[in-house]
Amino acid sequence: MRGADISTLKKNLDKGAVYRDARGRRADPFALLAAGGMNAARLKVWVNPADGYNSKATVLTMARRVKAAGMKLFIDFHYSDAWADPGKQNKPAAWANLPFPQLRDAVYRHTADVLGALRAQGTPADLVQIGNEINGGMLWPDGRWDNWPNLAALLTAGSTAARSASPRTRVVLHLAEGGNNAGHRWWFDNAVSYGVPFDVIAVSHYLYWHGTADSLAANLNDLSARYGRDIMVAETAYGFTTAEDDFEPQIFTASLAATAGIPATPAGQVTAFRTICDIVAAVPNGRGIGVFYWEPTWTAVTGAGWDPADPASGDGWENQAWFDFNDRALPALQVYNAYR
């Protein structure tokens, strides 16, 4: 799968974003992505987001566009009203005071509801992620990393719901820090020992945060063999510049570029991206099944900022997009064509 997370694309388009090809001609972003070799899209799901985006309703709308473009669909449940990642796994407000048995049931119902609705409208998910970057667990404090019985029960509820509502959908478990072999072995040893059902292992790997390319390759090869599962990189990205196009400070900086050792240029972005793709393609026995670049269409547009509760927030990601500050496609948009 040659994929990208395009969760913010609908919000961007609704707020007036424009996308152009490399020659500056305005075009439909789905057509540009498909022409660049992309064949799969990832969409995150929040429970009750403040701005309504990344909700069940908007995911259903986006899923129709994804499937109409001939792409596979990868659904990413955060089990939160906003961002969930290694540093925060906040419960949705509606679930905040539920006793654990009811919290587990809420995970089941929410998962089954969204995946069932996708299947009913003829756009079933090909992959589903039960939690997002859950190295430290999910739905804190109940499902923290130091309470594996609870964490396993929540993961099993999500996985069981997915398989019931959408039987052909493959279940993915996703961790950050793609080069952290010891941490990942510990985590997946626990998941297996508690009988959590899953089909695919996914990691995030940003070369400026998560270690070297060699550490990623070694970890993917080991995890795939150790657990007998297909494996993928569910998130990666790199900056084509360290400049910014709005008032929000950029996540990707000159310091991070120095850490990665790759220039913050359009050519450097291609180098970093291809490095990840090559590693996944080389996983033995064809177990490396895909790469998903994170938010390549999230350009700086007023009103499409990072905080769903604050319409005045900005975008700290536009210097890692596949479109420059004049909305023109960058060379990174064409990388996937080399892997068709």
Protein backbone atom coordinates (compact mmCIF):
# COMPACT_ATOMS: atom_id res chain seq x y z
CA MET A 1 0.00 0.00 0.00
CA ARG A 2 1.30 3.40 -1.04
CA GLY A 3 -0.64 5.55 1.37
CA ALA A 4 -1.07 8.81 3.20
CA ASP A 5 -3.04 10.06 6.16
CA ILE A 6 -5.32 12.73 4.73
CA SER A 7 -7.50 13.26 7.81
CA THR A 8 -7.34 17.07 7.60
CA LEU A 9 -8.02 17.28 3.85
CA LYS A 10 -11.77 17.81 4.16
CA LYS A 11 -11.30 20.62 6.69
CA ASN A 12 -8.65 22.19 4.47
CA LEU A 13 -10.92 22.06 1.42
CA ASP A 14 -13.88 23.43 3.37
CA LYS A 15 -11.70 26.37 4.48
CA GLY A 16 -10.62 27.18 0.94
CA ALA A 17 -7.44 25.20 0.33
CA VAL A 18 -6.25 24.95 -3.28
CA TYR A 19 -4.03 22.24 -4.72
CA ARG A 20 -1.96 22.58 -7.89
CA ASP A 21 0.22 20.29 -9.95
CA ALA A 22 3.93 20.98 -10.36
CA ARG A 23 3.20 23.39 -13.22
CA GLY A 24 0.79 25.42 -11.12
CA ARG A 25 -2.48 24.16 -12.62
CA ARG A 26 -5.29 23.83 -10.10
CA ALA A 27 -6.48 20.24 -9.70
CA ASP A 28 -8.55 17.94 -7.51
CA PRO A 29 -6.28 16.70 -4.69
CA PHE A 30 -7.49 13.11 -5.02
CA ALA A 31 -6.59 13.13 -8.70
CA LEU A 32 -3.14 14.53 -7.90
CA LEU A 33 -2.54 11.92 -5.20
CA ALA A 34 -3.63 9.06 -7.44
CA ALA A 35 -1.47 10.31 -10.29
CA GLY A 36 1.45 10.36 -7.86
CA GLY A 37 1.02 6.65 -7.23
CA MET A 38 -0.97 6.74 -3.99
CA ASN A 39 -3.41 3.85 -3.63
CA ALA A 40 -4.51 3.98 0.02
CA ALA A 41 -5.71 6.63 2.48
CA ARG A 42 -5.77 6.73 6.26
CA LEU A 43 -8.48 8.63 8.16
CA LYS A 44 -8.55 9.18 11.91
CA VAL A 45 -11.74 8.97 13.96
CA TRP A 46 -12.46 11.07 17.05
CA VAL A 47 -15.53 10.44 19.19
CA ASN A 48 -17.05 13.94 19.68
CA PRO A 49 -14.58 16.48 18.22
CA ALA A 50 -15.30 20.12 19.00
CA ASP A 51 -15.30 21.21 15.34
CA GLY A 52 -17.06 18.14 13.93
CA TYR A 53 -14.14 17.05 11.75
CA ASN A 54 -12.73 13.53 12.02
CA SER A 55 -16.13 12.48 13.36
CA LYS A 56 -18.10 9.50 12.14
CA ALA A 57 -20.03 11.75 9.75
CA THR A 58 -17.01 13.35 8.10
CA VAL A 59 -15.16 10.03 7.91
CA LEU A 60 -18.12 8.52 6.05
CA THR A 61 -18.03 11.43 3.60
CA MET A 62 -14.29 11.15 3.05
CA ALA A 63 -14.48 7.38 2.70
CA ARG A 64 -16.73 7.79 -0.34
CA ARG A 65 -14.12 10.00 -1.98
CA VAL A 66 -11.30 7.63 -1.09
CA LYS A 67 -13.06 4.64 -2.60
CA ALA A 68 -14.19 6.64 -5.65
CA ALA A 69 -10.52 7.41 -6.27
CA GLY A 70 -9.80 3.67 -6.33
CA MET A 71 -7.92 3.67 -3.03
CA LYS A 72 -7.92 1.33 -0.05
CA LEU A 73 -9.22 2.71 3.25
CA PHE A 74 -7.34 2.61 6.57
CA ILE A 75 -9.34 3.76 9.63
CA ASP A 76 -7.46 5.02 12.70
CA PHE A 77 -9.45 5.06 15.97
CA HIS A 78 -8.03 7.46 18.55
CA TYR A 79 -10.74 6.73 21.17
CA SER A 80 -10.59 10.37 22.17
CA ASP A 81 -12.24 13.68 21.27
CA ALA A 82 -8.91 15.04 20.01
CA TRP A 83 -5.30 13.95 19.50
CA ALA A 84 -4.12 10.69 21.07
CA ASP A 85 -0.40 9.83 20.95
CA PRO A 86 2.35 8.59 23.29
CA GLY A 87 2.11 11.73 25.41
CA LYS A 88 -1.66 11.81 25.84
CA GLN A 89 -4.44 9.25 25.68
CA ASN A 90 -7.39 11.23 27.00
CA LYS A 91 -10.81 9.66 27.27
CA PRO A 92 -13.67 11.18 25.31
CA ALA A 93 -15.72 13.45 27.56
CA ALA A 94 -18.76 11.21 27.22
CA TRP A 95 -16.77 8.24 28.54
CA ALA A 96 -14.81 10.02 31.26
CA ASN A 97 -16.70 8.67 34.26
CA LEU A 98 -17.66 5.23 33.01
CA PRO A 99 -16.81 2.21 35.17
CA PHE A 100 -14.36 -0.07 33.39
CA PRO A 101 -16.89 -2.63 32.10
CA GLN A 102 -18.91 0.19 30.53
CA LEU A 103 -15.76 1.80 29.12
CA ARG A 104 -14.85 -1.48 27.44
CA ASP A 105 -18.38 -1.70 26.03
CA ALA A 106 -18.14 1.88 24.75
CA VAL A 107 -15.00 0.95 22.81
CA TYR A 108 -16.85 -2.01 21.29
CA ARG A 109 -19.94 -0.01 20.35
CA HIS A 110 -18.03 2.95 18.89
CA THR A 111 -15.78 0.71 16.81
CA ALA A 112 -18.65 -1.40 15.53
CA ASP A 113 -20.79 1.66 14.82
CA VAL A 114 -18.24 3.42 12.60
CA LEU A 115 -17.02 0.31 10.77
CA GLY A 116 -20.57 -0.97 10.32
CA ALA A 117 -21.65 2.35 8.84
CA LEU A 118 -18.69 2.31 6.43
CA ARG A 119 -19.58 -1.19 5.31
CA ALA A 120 -23.28 -0.33 4.98
CA GLN A 121 -22.56 2.58 2.62
CA GLY A 122 -20.38 0.37 0.43
CA THR A 123 -17.01 1.76 1.55
CA PRO A 124 -15.70 -0.87 4.00
CA ALA A 125 -12.38 -0.31 5.72
CA ASP A 126 -9.52 -2.44 4.44
CA LEU A 127 -7.53 -1.86 7.63
CA VAL A 128 -8.51 -0.62 11.08
CA GLN A 129 -6.21 0.66 13.78
CA ILE A 130 -7.29 0.00 17.39
CA GLY A 131 -5.76 3.00 19.13
CA ASN A 132 -3.15 5.47 17.94
CA GLU A 133 0.52 5.26 18.96
CA ILE A 134 -0.38 3.24 22.04
CA ASN A 135 3.10 2.52 23.44
CA GLY A 136 1.79 3.82 26.77
CA GLY A 137 -1.65 2.30 26.41
CA MET A 138 -4.96 4.05 25.75
CA LEU A 139 -7.91 5.60 27.55
CA TRP A 140 -5.81 6.65 30.52
CA PRO A 141 -5.74 5.87 33.36
CA ASP A 142 -7.75 2.65 32.91
CA GLY A 143 -5.76 1.30 29.96
CA ARG A 144 -2.26 2.49 30.81
CA TRP A 145 0.81 0.44 29.92
CA ASP A 146 1.20 -0.68 33.54
CA ASN A 147 -2.24 -2.32 33.62
CA TRP A 148 -2.05 -4.89 30.85
CA PRO A 149 -5.20 -6.79 31.85
CA ASN A 150 -7.23 -3.64 31.30
CA LEU A 151 -5.33 -2.57 28.19
CA ALA A 152 -5.74 -6.02 26.66
CA ALA A 153 -9.45 -5.99 27.44
CA LEU A 154 -9.90 -2.63 25.69
CA LEU A 155 -7.85 -3.71 22.65
CA THR A 156 -9.74 -6.99 22.44
CA ALA A 157 -13.05 -5.14 22.60
CA GLY A 158 -12.02 -2.95 19.66
CA SER A 159 -10.62 -5.85 17.65
CA THR A 160 -13.63 -8.09 18.28
CA ALA A 161 -16.00 -5.28 17.31
CA ALA A 162 -14.05 -4.68 14.10
CA ARG A 163 -14.17 -8.32 13.09
CA SER A 164 -17.86 -8.55 13.86
CA ALA A 165 -18.92 -5.38 12.06
CA SER A 166 -16.54 -5.67 9.09
CA PRO A 167 -15.18 -9.23 8.79
CA ARG A 168 -12.81 -8.56 5.89
CA THR A 169 -11.12 -5.64 7.63
CA ARG A 170 -7.61 -6.39 8.94
CA VAL A 171 -6.88 -5.30 12.52
CA VAL A 172 -3.76 -3.20 13.12
CA LEU A 173 -1.93 -2.39 16.36
CA HIS A 174 0.19 0.75 16.11
CA LEU A 175 3.16 1.98 18.15
CA ALA A 176 5.41 5.03 17.80
CA GLU A 177 9.23 4.92 17.93
CA GLY A 178 9.76 2.61 14.97
CA GLY A 179 13.38 1.85 15.90
CA ASN A 180 12.67 0.84 19.51
CA ASN A 181 13.04 -2.93 19.26
CA ALA A 182 13.26 -3.66 22.99
CA GLY A 183 10.20 -1.57 23.76
CA HIS A 184 8.22 -3.06 20.91
CA ARG A 185 9.13 -6.63 21.84
CA TRP A 186 7.98 -5.99 25.40
CA TRP A 187 4.72 -4.49 24.20
CA PHE A 188 3.82 -7.13 21.63
CA ASP A 189 4.93 -9.98 23.91
CA ASN A 190 2.31 -8.70 26.35
CA ALA A 191 -0.34 -8.31 23.65
CA VAL A 192 0.23 -11.87 22.48
CA SER A 193 0.34 -13.31 25.99
CA TYR A 194 -3.01 -11.69 26.79
CA GLY A 195 -4.53 -13.03 23.58
CA VAL A 196 -5.25 -9.70 21.87
CA PRO A 197 -6.45 -10.49 18.32
CA PHE A 198 -4.61 -8.59 15.58
CA ASP A 199 -3.38 -9.08 12.04
CA VAL A 200 -0.83 -6.34 11.29
CA ILE A 201 1.90 -4.51 13.22
CA ALA A 202 2.26 -0.79 12.44
CA VAL A 203 4.86 1.73 13.58
CA SER A 204 5.44 5.44 13.26
CA HIS A 205 8.94 6.40 12.20
CA TYR A 206 10.04 9.98 11.75
CA LEU A 207 13.78 10.00 11.10
CA TYR A 208 14.21 13.17 13.15
CA TRP A 209 12.45 11.69 16.23
CA HIS A 210 12.52 7.92 16.23
CA GLY A 211 16.06 6.85 15.38
CA THR A 212 18.06 5.88 12.35
CA ALA A 213 16.94 4.13 9.21
CA ASP A 214 19.01 1.12 10.25
CA SER A 215 17.20 0.87 13.58
CA LEU A 216 13.86 0.93 11.78
CA ALA A 217 14.92 -1.78 9.33
CA ALA A 218 16.21 -4.04 12.10
CA ASN A 219 13.04 -3.59 14.14
CA LEU A 220 10.62 -4.23 11.27
CA ASN A 221 12.48 -7.34 10.19
CA ASP A 222 12.59 -8.68 13.75
CA LEU A 223 8.97 -7.95 14.66
CA SER A 224 7.62 -9.46 11.47
CA ALA A 225 9.55 -12.68 12.01
CA ARG A 226 9.00 -12.87 15.77
CA TYR A 227 5.21 -12.48 15.60
CA GLY A 228 4.53 -13.87 12.12
CA ARG A 229 2.63 -10.75 11.07
CA ASP A 230 2.68 -8.33 8.16
CA ILE A 231 4.18 -4.99 9.07
CA MET A 232 3.91 -1.40 7.92
CA VAL A 233 4.92 2.18 8.62
CA ALA A 234 1.67 3.97 9.42
CA GLU A 235 3.25 7.42 9.85
CA THR A 236 6.31 9.17 8.48
CA ALA A 237 7.12 12.60 7.08
CA TYR A 238 9.95 15.04 6.42
CA GLY A 239 10.24 18.76 5.78
CA PHE A 240 11.04 20.40 2.45
CA THR A 241 11.97 23.59 4.31
CA THR A 242 12.26 24.88 7.87
CA ALA A 243 10.27 28.01 7.02
CA GLU A 244 6.62 28.48 7.92
CA ASP A 245 3.58 29.68 6.02
CA ASP A 246 1.47 30.91 8.93
CA PHE A 247 1.89 32.11 12.50
CA GLU A 248 1.98 28.64 14.08
CA PRO A 249 5.54 27.46 14.90
CA GLN A 250 6.59 24.49 12.83
CA ILE A 251 7.11 21.07 14.39
CA PHE A 252 9.91 20.33 11.92
CA THR A 253 12.85 22.65 12.58
CA ALA A 254 16.48 23.11 11.56
CA SER A 255 17.49 21.29 14.74
CA LEU A 256 15.42 18.24 13.79
CA ALA A 257 16.81 18.30 10.25
CA ALA A 258 20.30 18.27 11.76
CA THR A 259 19.35 15.30 13.93
CA ALA A 260 18.18 13.36 10.88
CA GLY A 261 21.19 14.44 8.83
CA ILE A 262 19.11 15.12 5.72
CA PRO A 263 18.73 18.61 4.20
CA ALA A 264 15.41 20.38 4.67
CA THR A 265 14.87 20.79 0.94
CA PRO A 266 12.48 19.28 -1.61
CA ALA A 267 15.22 16.83 -2.59
CA GLY A 268 15.90 16.03 1.06
CA GLN A 269 12.22 15.34 1.62
CA VAL A 270 12.32 12.83 -1.24
CA THR A 271 15.45 11.19 0.18
CA ALA A 272 13.91 10.75 3.63
CA PHE A 273 10.63 9.45 2.22
CA ARG A 274 12.28 6.98 -0.16
CA THR A 275 14.49 5.71 2.65
CA ILE A 276 11.39 4.62 4.57
CA CYS A 277 9.74 3.10 1.50
CA ASP A 278 12.86 1.10 0.64
CA ILE A 279 13.09 -0.31 4.15
CA VAL A 280 9.47 -1.51 4.14
CA ALA A 281 9.80 -2.96 0.63
CA ALA A 282 12.84 -4.96 1.79
CA VAL A 283 11.19 -6.69 4.78
CA PRO A 284 11.70 -10.43 4.16
CA ASN A 285 8.99 -12.70 2.78
CA GLY A 286 6.91 -9.81 1.45
CA ARG A 287 5.78 -8.94 4.98
CA GLY A 288 6.30 -5.19 4.50
CA ILE A 289 2.86 -4.24 3.19
CA GLY A 290 2.85 -0.47 3.09
CA VAL A 291 3.87 3.04 4.02
CA PHE A 292 1.57 5.93 4.96
CA TYR A 293 2.94 9.48 4.85
CA TRP A 294 1.34 11.66 7.50
CA GLU A 295 -0.84 14.60 6.38
CA PRO A 296 0.84 15.56 3.07
CA THR A 297 -2.19 17.67 2.12
CA TRP A 298 -2.31 19.71 5.35
CA THR A 299 -1.30 23.09 3.98
CA ALA A 300 -1.68 26.36 5.89
CA VAL A 301 -5.24 27.64 5.49
CA THR A 302 -7.02 30.01 7.86
CA GLY A 303 -9.44 28.06 10.03
CA ALA A 304 -7.87 24.64 9.42
CA GLY A 305 -5.51 24.64 12.37
CA TRP A 306 -4.50 21.82 14.67
CA ASP A 307 -6.85 22.47 17.61
CA PRO A 308 -10.46 21.36 17.01
CA ALA A 309 -11.57 23.56 19.90
CA ASP A 310 -9.82 26.72 18.64
CA PRO A 311 -10.68 28.00 15.14
CA ALA A 312 -7.85 30.54 15.45
CA SER A 313 -5.17 27.88 15.84
CA GLY A 314 -2.66 27.42 13.03
CA ASP A 315 -0.95 24.58 11.19
CA GLY A 316 2.45 23.47 12.45
CA TRP A 317 2.85 20.90 9.66
CA GLU A 318 2.76 22.73 6.32
CA ASN A 319 6.53 22.50 5.80
CA GLN A 320 6.21 18.70 5.67
CA ALA A 321 3.38 18.67 3.11
CA TRP A 322 3.71 17.55 -0.51
CA PHE A 323 2.69 21.04 -1.65
CA ASP A 324 4.79 24.17 -1.35
CA PHE A 325 3.67 27.53 0.02
CA ASN A 326 2.27 28.41 -3.42
CA ASP A 327 0.14 25.23 -3.37
CA ARG A 328 2.26 23.53 -6.06
CA ALA A 329 3.04 19.82 -5.91
CA LEU A 330 6.54 18.99 -4.75
CA PRO A 331 8.70 16.10 -6.05
CA ALA A 332 7.72 13.99 -3.01
CA LEU A 333 4.25 13.62 -4.51
CA GLN A 334 5.76 11.43 -7.23
CA VAL A 335 7.80 9.10 -4.99
CA TYR A 336 5.19 6.33 -4.90
CA ASN A 337 5.26 5.98 -8.68
CA ALA A 338 8.63 4.23 -8.29
CA TYR A 339 6.94 1.50 -6.21
CA ARG A 340 4.03 0.60 -8.45
